Protein backbone atom coordinates (compact mmCIF):
# COMPACT_ATOMS: atom_id res chain seq x y z
CA UNK A 1 6.97 25.47 -18.34
CA UNK A 2 7.14 23.37 -15.17
CA UNK A 3 4.11 21.69 -13.60
CA UNK A 4 3.27 19.84 -10.40
CA UNK A 5 0.62 17.55 -8.97
CA UNK A 6 -0.17 18.60 -5.44
CA UNK A 7 -3.00 16.40 -4.27
CA UNK A 8 -4.64 13.31 -5.74
CA UNK A 9 -8.28 12.97 -4.69
CA UNK A 10 -9.54 9.42 -4.21
CA UNK A 11 -12.75 7.92 -2.87
CA UNK A 12 -13.67 4.54 -1.41
CA UNK A 13 -12.82 2.07 -4.15
CA UNK A 14 -15.76 0.17 -5.64
CA UNK A 15 -13.65 -2.92 -6.35
CA UNK A 16 -10.12 -4.29 -6.49
CA UNK A 17 -9.44 -2.67 -9.87
CA UNK A 18 -10.30 0.80 -8.55
CA UNK A 19 -8.11 0.17 -5.51
CA UNK A 20 -5.14 -0.73 -7.75
CA UNK A 21 -5.68 2.32 -9.96
CA UNK A 22 -5.80 4.58 -6.90
CA UNK A 23 -2.63 3.03 -5.46
CA UNK A 24 -0.83 3.61 -8.77
CA UNK A 25 -1.95 7.22 -9.19
CA UNK A 26 -1.33 8.33 -5.59
CA UNK A 27 2.37 7.64 -6.22
CA UNK A 28 2.36 10.83 -8.31
CA UNK A 29 1.18 13.00 -5.40
CA UNK A 30 3.43 16.06 -4.89
CA UNK A 31 5.34 15.41 -8.11
CA UNK A 32 7.19 18.07 -10.10
CA UNK A 33 6.83 17.65 -13.87
CA UNK A 34 9.58 19.39 -15.87
CA UNK A 35 7.81 20.16 -19.17
CA UNK A 36 4.84 19.57 -21.51
CA UNK A 37 6.36 16.40 -22.95
CA UNK A 38 6.62 14.90 -19.46
CA UNK A 39 2.96 15.77 -18.80
CA UNK A 40 1.95 13.85 -21.92
CA UNK A 41 4.21 10.93 -20.97
CA UNK A 42 2.66 10.83 -17.48
CA UNK A 43 -0.86 10.87 -18.94
CA UNK A 44 0.04 8.05 -21.34
CA UNK A 45 1.51 5.98 -18.48
CA UNK A 46 -1.68 6.42 -16.43
CA UNK A 47 -3.87 5.55 -19.43
CA UNK A 48 -1.81 2.40 -20.10
CA UNK A 49 -2.11 1.30 -16.47
CA UNK A 50 -5.89 1.82 -16.51
CA UNK A 51 -6.17 -0.10 -19.80
CA UNK A 52 -4.03 -2.90 -18.37
CA UNK A 53 -6.34 -3.14 -15.35
CA UNK A 54 -9.43 -2.99 -17.59
CA UNK A 55 -8.07 -6.10 -19.35
CA UNK A 56 -7.14 -7.79 -16.07
CA UNK A 57 -10.65 -7.26 -14.64
CA UNK A 58 -13.02 -7.85 -17.61
CA UNK A 59 -16.12 -8.39 -15.44
CA UNK A 60 -16.02 -4.86 -14.03
CA UNK A 61 -17.08 -1.61 -15.68
CA UNK A 62 -14.39 -0.20 -17.91
CA UNK A 63 -12.58 2.86 -16.63
CA UNK A 64 -11.20 5.72 -18.67
CA UNK A 65 -8.87 8.59 -17.93
CA UNK A 66 -9.70 12.00 -19.30
CA UNK A 67 -7.83 15.29 -19.20
CA UNK A 68 -9.63 18.59 -19.64
CA UNK A 69 -7.28 21.53 -19.31
CA UNK A 70 -5.40 20.96 -16.08
CA UNK A 71 -8.06 18.64 -14.61
CA UNK A 72 -7.47 14.88 -14.80
CA UNK A 73 -10.11 12.31 -13.80
CA UNK A 74 -10.78 8.61 -14.02
CA UNK A 75 -14.35 7.37 -14.07
CA UNK A 76 -16.68 4.87 -15.75
CA UNK A 77 -16.39 4.65 -19.51
CA UNK A 78 -20.17 4.59 -20.03
CA UNK A 79 -20.60 7.95 -18.22
CA UNK A 80 -23.97 6.97 -16.69
CA UNK A 81 -22.62 7.65 -13.22
CA UNK A 82 -20.68 10.83 -13.83
CA UNK A 83 -20.15 11.61 -10.17
CA UNK A 84 -18.40 8.31 -9.35
CA UNK A 85 -14.77 9.18 -9.83
CA UNK A 86 -11.97 6.74 -9.06
CA UNK A 87 -9.49 9.63 -8.77
CA UNK A 88 -9.04 13.26 -9.76
CA UNK A 89 -6.13 15.67 -9.65
CA UNK A 90 -5.01 18.96 -11.15
CA UNK A 91 -1.77 19.51 -13.02
CA UNK A 92 -0.81 23.01 -11.89
CA UNK A 93 1.72 25.35 -13.48
CA UNK A 94 4.67 26.31 -11.31
CA UNK A 95 4.43 30.09 -10.93
CA UNK A 96 7.96 30.67 -9.74
CA UNK A 97 10.96 29.01 -8.16
CA UNK A 98 12.37 30.50 -4.98
CA UNK A 99 16.11 31.03 -5.03
CA UNK A 100 18.48 32.36 -2.43
CA UNK A 101 20.81 35.19 -3.38
CA UNK A 102 23.69 32.74 -3.73
CA UNK A 103 21.67 30.70 -6.21
CA UNK A 104 20.65 33.80 -8.17
CA UNK A 105 24.13 35.22 -8.53
CA UNK A 106 26.32 33.05 -10.70
CA UNK A 107 29.32 35.25 -11.51
CA UNK A 108 32.22 33.60 -13.27
CA UNK A 109 35.50 34.78 -11.66
CA UNK A 110 36.99 35.63 -15.07
CA UNK A 111 34.31 38.31 -15.49
CA UNK A 112 35.71 40.21 -12.54
CA UNK A 113 39.41 39.42 -12.84
CA UNK A 114 40.47 42.92 -13.84
CA UNK A 115 37.47 45.10 -13.08
CA UNK A 116 35.52 44.61 -9.84
CA UNK A 117 32.91 47.04 -11.22
CA UNK A 118 32.16 44.45 -13.92
CA UNK A 119 31.46 41.99 -11.10
CA UNK A 120 28.99 44.41 -9.53
CA UNK A 121 27.26 44.88 -12.87
CA UNK A 122 27.12 41.11 -13.45
CA UNK A 123 25.60 40.57 -10.00
CA UNK A 124 23.14 43.41 -10.54
CA UNK A 125 22.14 41.98 -13.92
CA UNK A 126 21.67 38.50 -12.42
CA UNK A 127 19.40 39.98 -9.75
CA UNK A 128 17.36 41.87 -12.33
CA UNK A 129 16.92 38.75 -14.49
CA UNK A 130 16.17 36.30 -11.67
CA UNK A 131 13.99 38.59 -9.57
CA UNK A 132 12.42 40.73 -12.23
CA UNK A 133 13.80 43.70 -10.31
CA UNK A 134 11.59 42.99 -7.27
CA UNK A 135 14.42 42.20 -4.86
CA UNK A 136 17.08 44.37 -6.45
CA UNK A 137 16.59 47.21 -3.98
CA UNK A 138 16.48 44.84 -1.02
CA UNK A 139 19.79 43.20 -1.88
CA UNK A 140 21.64 46.11 -3.46
CA UNK A 141 23.53 46.79 -0.20
CA UNK A 142 24.57 43.16 -0.03
CA UNK A 143 25.70 43.26 -3.65
CA UNK A 144 27.80 46.35 -2.96
CA UNK A 145 29.32 44.60 0.08
CA UNK A 146 30.20 41.60 -2.09
CA UNK A 147 31.88 43.86 -4.64
CA UNK A 148 33.82 45.66 -1.87
CA UNK A 149 35.03 42.29 -0.60
CA UNK A 150 36.13 41.35 -4.11
CA UNK A 151 37.97 44.67 -4.42
CA UNK A 152 39.75 44.05 -1.10
CA UNK A 153 40.82 40.62 -2.29
CA UNK A 154 42.28 42.13 -5.45
CA UNK A 155 44.12 44.86 -3.58
CA UNK A 156 45.73 42.42 -1.16
CA UNK A 157 46.48 39.79 -3.86
CA UNK A 158 44.58 37.19 -1.86
CA UNK A 159 42.49 36.19 -4.86
CA UNK A 160 43.88 32.98 -6.29
CA UNK A 161 43.24 32.42 -9.95
CA UNK A 162 42.95 28.74 -10.78
CA UNK A 163 43.48 27.79 -7.12
CA UNK A 164 47.17 28.82 -6.84
CA UNK A 165 49.31 31.94 -6.76
C-alpha cells in the first residue's frame, strides 16, 4: 500500500525548538511513501529529531510525537495544553495511480511474434487488470487499431525482430 503526506499543519512556534521541529517536518509535505515499513521509518526519524531537540533545549517543555491511525501530531508531553500543537498531518492512503494507455499496456513483442490476435488479447488483459475493466470499453477501439497496425507490420515484413532484418 502506498501513502502520501499532503499538507503539514503548523502554528506560530512558541520557541526556537518548536520552530526547528516545524522546519524539519514541513520538508515531508507532499511526500509519497512507498509502503508500511517506510511509514514506520519516517515516524521513527521524526521521533528521533524531536527527542534530539528535547535534549538540545532542556529548559523548554518536552515535546512528543504521537500517531493515532493516520493522524500524526506533536504537542506537549504533559498534555495539560492539549490544543497547543506544534504540527499535525495525515498520512493518507493512495487510492489509485493514474496511467496513460501506453503505461498500462506492456506487451512483450515475443508474445505477438506469430499471432497478432495474442497481442490483442494481451493488451485487452492488461487493460482489464490495470483499469479494473472501467476503461476497457473506452479504449477497445484504440486497442483494435493497435492490433491492426501490428498485423500490417507483419504482412509487410516491416517488423524487425531484435532490431534487424
